[in-house]
Amino acid sequence: MNPDPALATLLDWLLRSEHPPESLWEPEPPLEELRCHPDLVARLAEVARPIGAARRRFVAGCPVIQHPRGRPIAAASGTAWLAVRSGLPAGALTLPEPRASQLDGDWVELDPWAPDAAFAHATDLLRVHVARAYELAEAESEA
């Protein structure tokens, strides 16, 4: 399955080695510029905002969560694609059909809606992944 153009642009950006640090929680672009459903943008914000000093930017109309020193730790696209650089197994958040096999081993594609898990439990599980990704980025930036 070929990814849509916004996802392809997002994946190219995520795979680059250099990412300038962000200093703000970037506001959402106008609806016509979004390439991610507003509910998924809100879901990612809900799980990422409480984590450390995480930052948000938009790449090709898709939200990306970054560590303050620049490493991307989570991203979303479309209506249900969410990836987190946690290195943890997806568990109850496993997607039926992963879409971005070219992401490195630390990236895990997750089901942001997890229909087989209670909503609050799925939110907690997503937060665990984002928190772990933040911790890994913090350790990498200190090394």
Protein backbone atom coordinates (compact mmCIF):
# COMPACT_ATOMS: atom_id res chain seq x y z
CA MET A 1 0.00 0.00 0.00
CA ASN A 2 1.46 3.36 -1.03
CA PRO A 3 1.21 6.09 1.58
CA ASP A 4 -0.66 9.26 0.77
CA PRO A 5 1.56 12.24 -0.19
CA ALA A 6 1.28 13.92 3.22
CA LEU A 7 2.34 10.72 4.99
CA ALA A 8 5.22 10.25 2.54
CA THR A 9 6.45 13.81 3.21
CA LEU A 10 6.08 13.28 6.95
CA LEU A 11 8.01 9.99 6.82
CA ASP A 12 10.81 11.61 4.81
CA TRP A 13 11.05 14.36 7.43
CA LEU A 14 11.04 11.87 10.33
CA LEU A 15 13.83 9.82 8.74
CA ARG A 16 16.17 12.80 8.31
CA SER A 17 18.91 12.93 10.91
CA GLU A 18 18.71 16.67 11.61
CA HIS A 19 15.64 18.26 13.20
CA PRO A 20 15.84 21.81 14.50
CA PRO A 21 14.52 22.17 18.05
CA GLU A 22 11.13 23.73 18.48
CA SER A 23 10.47 26.31 21.14
CA LEU A 24 6.66 26.41 21.11
CA TRP A 25 3.55 24.28 21.04
CA GLU A 26 2.71 25.28 17.48
CA PRO A 27 -0.97 26.10 16.92
CA GLU A 28 -3.00 24.05 14.49
CA PRO A 29 -2.95 25.24 10.90
CA PRO A 30 -6.24 26.08 9.18
CA LEU A 31 -8.47 23.06 8.59
CA GLU A 32 -7.86 23.11 4.82
CA GLU A 33 -4.10 22.73 5.46
CA LEU A 34 -4.43 19.78 7.85
CA ARG A 35 -3.58 16.34 6.49
CA CYS A 36 -4.53 14.73 9.78
CA HIS A 37 -8.06 14.47 11.11
CA PRO A 38 -8.71 17.10 13.82
CA ASP A 39 -9.78 14.33 16.24
CA LEU A 40 -6.39 12.62 15.80
CA VAL A 41 -4.57 15.96 16.23
CA ALA A 42 -6.49 16.41 19.49
CA ARG A 43 -5.76 12.81 20.56
CA LEU A 44 -2.02 13.25 20.03
CA ALA A 45 -2.09 16.56 21.91
CA GLU A 46 -4.03 14.94 24.76
CA VAL A 47 -1.39 12.26 25.28
CA ALA A 48 1.70 14.37 24.57
CA ARG A 49 1.08 17.71 26.32
CA PRO A 50 1.64 16.36 29.86
CA ILE A 51 4.97 14.75 28.89
CA GLY A 52 8.03 16.75 29.91
CA ALA A 53 8.57 19.83 27.81
CA ALA A 54 7.36 18.22 24.57
CA ARG A 55 6.90 20.52 21.60
CA ARG A 56 4.51 20.30 18.65
CA ARG A 57 5.04 21.33 15.06
CA PHE A 58 3.26 20.50 11.83
CA VAL A 59 5.00 18.86 8.86
CA ALA A 60 3.00 18.54 5.64
CA GLY A 61 -0.14 19.32 7.65
CA CYS A 62 0.58 16.50 10.15
CA PRO A 63 1.39 16.95 13.85
CA VAL A 64 4.85 15.96 15.10
CA ILE A 65 5.79 15.89 18.77
CA GLN A 66 9.43 16.72 19.47
CA HIS A 67 11.79 16.68 22.38
CA PRO A 68 12.86 20.30 23.12
CA ARG A 69 16.30 19.59 21.65
CA GLY A 70 14.79 18.53 18.33
CA ARG A 71 14.39 14.74 18.18
CA PRO A 72 10.91 13.79 16.90
CA ILE A 73 9.18 11.40 19.29
CA ALA A 74 5.65 11.01 17.86
CA ALA A 75 3.70 11.83 14.71
CA ALA A 76 0.22 11.33 13.27
CA SER A 77 -1.38 11.44 9.83
CA GLY A 78 -4.73 10.80 8.20
CA THR A 79 -7.48 9.47 10.44
CA ALA A 80 -5.72 6.68 12.32
CA TRP A 81 -1.95 6.59 11.70
CA LEU A 82 0.13 7.28 14.81
CA ALA A 83 3.78 6.42 15.36
CA VAL A 84 5.85 6.88 18.51
CA ARG A 85 9.62 6.46 18.84
CA SER A 86 9.34 4.46 22.06
CA GLY A 87 10.92 1.15 21.09
CA LEU A 88 8.21 -0.58 23.15
CA PRO A 89 5.95 -3.34 21.80
CA ALA A 90 2.56 -2.05 20.65
CA GLY A 91 0.62 -4.56 22.75
CA ALA A 92 -3.09 -3.61 22.94
CA LEU A 93 -2.40 -0.70 20.57
CA THR A 94 -1.28 -2.90 17.66
CA LEU A 95 -2.48 -1.71 14.26
CA PRO A 96 -4.10 -4.34 12.02
CA GLU A 97 -2.07 -3.10 9.02
CA PRO A 98 1.13 -1.09 9.65
CA ARG A 99 1.74 1.50 6.92
CA ALA A 100 5.32 2.71 7.33
CA SER A 101 7.75 -0.18 7.40
CA GLN A 102 10.66 2.11 6.46
CA LEU A 103 10.70 3.71 9.92
CA ASP A 104 13.61 2.53 12.07
CA GLY A 105 13.24 -0.03 14.85
CA ASP A 106 12.53 2.49 17.63
CA TRP A 107 9.38 3.72 15.85
CA VAL A 108 6.21 1.83 16.72
CA GLU A 109 2.97 2.28 14.81
CA LEU A 110 0.05 2.41 17.23
CA ASP A 111 -3.72 2.41 16.99
CA PRO A 112 -4.72 5.75 18.53
CA TRP A 113 -8.30 4.57 19.01
CA ALA A 114 -7.65 0.96 20.21
CA PRO A 115 -11.22 -0.35 19.86
CA ASP A 116 -10.44 -3.38 22.03
CA ALA A 117 -9.31 -1.26 25.00
CA ALA A 118 -11.26 1.11 27.21
CA PHE A 119 -10.73 4.73 26.11
CA ALA A 120 -9.02 5.78 29.36
CA HIS A 121 -6.79 2.69 29.30
CA ALA A 122 -5.81 3.37 25.66
CA THR A 123 -4.97 6.97 26.60
CA ASP A 124 -2.73 5.72 29.42
CA LEU A 125 -1.00 3.24 27.10
CA LEU A 126 -0.38 5.95 24.50
CA ARG A 127 1.03 8.21 27.21
CA VAL A 128 3.42 5.45 28.30
CA HIS A 129 4.77 5.24 24.75
CA VAL A 130 5.19 9.02 24.41
CA ALA A 131 6.80 9.28 27.86
CA ARG A 132 9.25 6.50 26.97
CA ALA A 133 10.08 8.21 23.66
CA TYR A 134 10.70 11.46 25.55
CA GLU A 135 13.00 9.64 28.03
CA LEU A 136 14.98 8.07 25.17
CA ALA A 137 15.36 11.45 23.46
CA GLU A 138 16.46 13.00 26.77
CA ALA A 139 19.09 10.31 27.31
CA GLU A 140 20.29 10.67 23.70
CA SER A 141 20.64 14.45 24.03
CA GLU A 142 22.67 14.08 27.24
CA ALA A 143 25.07 11.53 25.71
